[in-house]
C-alpha atoms as a PDB file:
ATOM      1  CA  MET A   1      12.454   4.743   2.060  1.00  0.00           C
ATOM      2  CA  ALA A   2       9.775   7.174   0.699  1.00  0.00           C
ATOM      3  CA  ALA A   3       6.140   6.954   0.524  1.00  0.00           C
ATOM      4  CA  SER A   4       4.504   7.225  -3.111  1.00  0.00           C
ATOM      5  CA  THR A   5       0.711   7.747  -4.080  1.00  0.00           C
ATOM      6  CA  LEU A   6      -1.151   6.713  -6.979  1.00  0.00           C
ATOM      7  CA  ALA A   7      -3.229   9.725  -8.589  1.00  0.00           C
ATOM      8  CA  ALA A   8      -6.776   9.203  -8.794  1.00  0.00           C
ATOM      9  CA  PRO A   9      -8.459   8.301 -12.306  1.00  0.00           C
ATOM     10  CA  GLY A  10      -9.067  11.083 -14.420  1.00  0.00           C
ATOM     11  CA  THR A  11      -6.540  13.146 -12.605  1.00  0.00           C
ATOM     12  CA  LYS A  12      -3.410  15.026 -14.643  1.00  0.00           C
ATOM     13  CA  TYR A  13      -1.141  12.127 -13.762  1.00  0.00           C
ATOM     14  CA  GLY A  14      -3.687   9.320 -13.061  1.00  0.00           C
ATOM     15  CA  PRO A  15      -5.053   6.995 -15.417  1.00  0.00           C
ATOM     16  CA  CYS A  16      -7.568   7.700 -17.869  1.00  0.00           C
ATOM     17  CA  ALA A  17     -10.907   7.822 -16.390  1.00  0.00           C
ATOM     18  CA  GLU A  18     -12.613   5.638 -18.827  1.00  0.00           C
ATOM     19  CA  PRO A  19     -11.274   1.785 -19.815  1.00  0.00           C
ATOM     20  CA  CYS A  20      -8.238   2.406 -22.073  1.00  0.00           C
ATOM     21  CA  PRO A  21      -5.503  -0.042 -23.757  1.00  0.00           C
ATOM     22  CA  HIS A  22      -2.505   2.166 -22.032  1.00  0.00           C
ATOM     23  CA  THR A  23      -0.460   0.303 -20.486  1.00  0.00           C
ATOM     24  CA  ASP A  24       0.465   2.462 -17.761  1.00  0.00           C
ATOM     25  CA  CYS A  25      -2.878   2.637 -17.167  1.00  0.00           C
ATOM     26  CA  ALA A  26      -3.901  -0.568 -16.663  1.00  0.00           C
ATOM     27  CA  HIS A  27      -0.631  -1.033 -14.478  1.00  0.00           C
ATOM     28  CA  THR A  28      -1.718   1.619 -12.150  1.00  0.00           C
ATOM     29  CA  ARG A  29      -5.084   0.504 -11.719  1.00  0.00           C
ATOM     30  CA  ARG A  30      -3.701  -3.156 -10.978  1.00  0.00           C
ATOM     31  CA  MET A  31      -1.146  -1.397  -8.095  1.00  0.00           C
ATOM     32  CA  ALA A  32      -4.299   0.496  -7.121  1.00  0.00           C
ATOM     33  CA  ALA A  33      -6.065  -2.815  -6.385  1.00  0.00           C
ATOM     34  CA  ALA A  34      -3.127  -4.389  -4.553  1.00  0.00           C
ATOM     35  CA  VAL A  35      -4.112  -5.353  -1.111  1.00  0.00           C
ATOM     36  CA  CYS A  36      -2.264  -4.026   1.886  1.00  0.00           C
ATOM     37  CA  PRO A  37      -1.160  -7.266   3.772  1.00  0.00           C
ATOM     38  CA  LEU A  38      -1.781  -5.199   7.051  1.00  0.00           C
ATOM     39  CA  CYS A  39      -5.151  -3.978   6.869  1.00  0.00           C
ATOM     40  CA  ASN A  40      -6.619  -6.418   3.977  1.00  0.00           C
ATOM     41  CA  GLY A  41      -7.748  -3.011   2.052  1.00  0.00           C
ATOM     42  CA  GLU A  42      -6.894  -2.016  -1.639  1.00  0.00           C
ATOM     43  CA  ILE A  43      -4.098   0.395  -1.442  1.00  0.00           C
ATOM     44  CA  GLY A  44      -6.465   2.632  -3.809  1.00  0.00           C
ATOM     45  CA  TYR A  45      -5.447   6.192  -4.798  1.00  0.00           C
ATOM     46  CA  GLU A  46      -4.707   8.938  -3.402  1.00  0.00           C
ATOM     47  CA  ARG A  47      -3.167   7.263  -0.373  1.00  0.00           C
ATOM     48  CA  ARG A  48       0.562   6.939   0.496  1.00  0.00           C
ATOM     49  CA  PHE A  49       1.872   3.403   0.280  1.00  0.00           C
ATOM     50  CA  TYR A  50       5.547   1.553   0.200  1.00  0.00           C
ATOM     51  CA  ASN A  51       6.410  -1.326  -2.184  1.00  0.00           C
ATOM     52  CA  ASP A  52       7.950  -3.747   0.386  1.00  0.00           C
ATOM     53  CA  GLY A  53       9.102  -6.253  -2.099  1.00  0.00           C
ATOM     54  CA  ASP A  54      11.174  -5.788  -5.605  1.00  0.00           C
ATOM     55  CA  PRO A  55      10.843  -2.833  -7.542  1.00  0.00           C
ATOM     56  CA  GLY A  56       8.115  -3.180  -9.998  1.00  0.00           C
ATOM     57  CA  GLY A  57       6.232  -5.629  -8.219  1.00  0.00           C
ATOM     58  CA  PHE A  58       3.026  -5.311  -6.162  1.00  0.00           C
ATOM     59  CA  ASP A  59       4.456  -6.189  -2.597  1.00  0.00           C
ATOM     60  CA  LEU A  60       2.483  -2.806  -1.648  1.00  0.00           C
ATOM     61  CA  VAL A  61       1.506  -1.706   1.864  1.00  0.00           C
ATOM     62  CA  HIS A  62      -0.180   1.134   3.214  1.00  0.00           C
ATOM     63  CA  ALA A  63       2.313   3.588   4.700  1.00  0.00           C
ATOM     64  CA  LEU A  64       0.242   4.430   7.750  1.00  0.00           C
ATOM     65  CA  CYS A  65      -0.395   0.664   8.485  1.00  0.00           C
ATOM     66  CA  ALA A  66       3.292   0.028   8.068  1.00  0.00           C
ATOM     67  CA  GLU A  67       4.250   3.115  10.285  1.00  0.00           C
ATOM     68  CA  ASP A  68       1.563   2.195  13.024  1.00  0.00           C
ATOM     69  CA  GLN A  69       3.116  -1.394  12.929  1.00  0.00           C
ATOM     70  CA  LEU A  70       6.482  -0.022  13.782  1.00  0.00           C
ATOM     71  CA  ASP A  71       5.464   2.317  16.379  1.00  0.00           C
ATOM     72  CA  ARG A  72       4.110  -0.342  18.262  1.00  0.00           C
ATOM     73  CA  PRO A  73       6.170  -1.291  20.979  1.00  0.00           C
ATOM     74  CA  GLU A  74       7.557  -4.797  21.081  1.00  0.00           C
ATOM     75  CA  PRO A  75       5.769  -7.750  23.381  1.00  0.00           C
ATOM     76  CA  ASP A  76       7.469  -8.274  26.516  1.00  0.00           C
ATOM     77  CA  GLU A  77       8.051 -12.098  26.863  1.00  0.00           C
ATOM     78  CA  SER A  78       8.167 -12.338  30.417  1.00  0.00           C
ATOM     79  CA  THR A  79       4.317 -11.639  30.067  1.00  0.00           C
ATOM     80  CA  ALA A  80       3.400 -13.201  26.892  1.00  0.00           C
ATOM     81  CA  GLY A  81       0.309 -14.980  26.828  1.00  0.00           C
ATOM     82  CA  GLY A  82      -0.674 -13.273  29.994  1.00  0.00           C
ATOM     83  CA  LEU A  83       1.700 -15.185  32.048  1.00  0.00           C
ATOM     84  CA  ARG A  84       3.927 -13.787  34.655  1.00  0.00           C
END
């Protein structure tokens, strides 16, 4: 899966810098305001993210958060809860 980014407002591919009636600008702003379920931070602009759900949906997660989660070792069930 490839990560995406949202261009910042006022840049060449970003939403308008000022409030506007453009559908694409509103969609981009909603995506940027979506909350990453792993860190509870906004997806934001100029930051890599994945769409973890349906295409066109807002199930967005920061790429770094998702990649960090994948890199963590699985808990050892024999020591789960601090018991040996």
